[in-house]
Amino acid sequence: GERVTKTKYEFSSQAWVDCAHEILIEAANDTDLSGIEVTFSEVFTDAPKHLDPDDKGRIGWYMTIKDGQLSVKKGIPDHADLRITTDYELTVPLGRTVFEDNPEAVEEAGKVVADLMERGIMIREGNEEALSNLTFFEGFHDKIAKRTA
C-alpha cells in the first residue's frame, strides 16, 4: 500500500535541503526554465552547532535557476536576488506549519513574521518580485513543511 508517513528532516539540515531539492525539481518539471536566472536565499542566524554554522553562527539554503537548470544547495551564496535572513529557532515552528486549509495558522504566521520584521530579526533584502513568476514555487512551503521534523 501507500506509505502514509514520509520521513521528516531537521529544518535546514543537509537531508532537509536534499528533500527541498527533490520537491522543487518535481514541482518545476513542467516549467520551461530557460531564460530564467534567479537565486533565492534563506539564511538562519544562531543555528544549532551540529548543523555546522559559519563563524557568524549562520546556516542557510538557496535555490538557483540558471541555464535552464534548477538547483537547491545548503549554504549561503555570495549573491541572491532575494535573501531572507532570520533567527533559526524562531523560524522552525513556521517551517513546520502547513497553511493549506488552515486560515488560523496563516493569520498566526503573519503576526509572527510582522513581529520578527518589526524587531529587525527577519530581514528581507533584494527584489521582492524575484520569484513572482515562478508559479511552481508557490506550493513549496506546505510541501516541505510536511517533511520538516
Foldseek 3Di string as FASTA:
>chain_A
DDDPQDAADAPLAQVLQVVLFVLLCVLCVPPQLPPAWFKEKEKAALDDVVSPADPRRIKIKMWTRDRRDIGIGIGDDPDGQKYKYAHDVLCLVVLQDAPVVPVVNVVVVVVSVVVCVVVVRIDMDHDPCSCVPVVSCVNSSNVSSSRHD
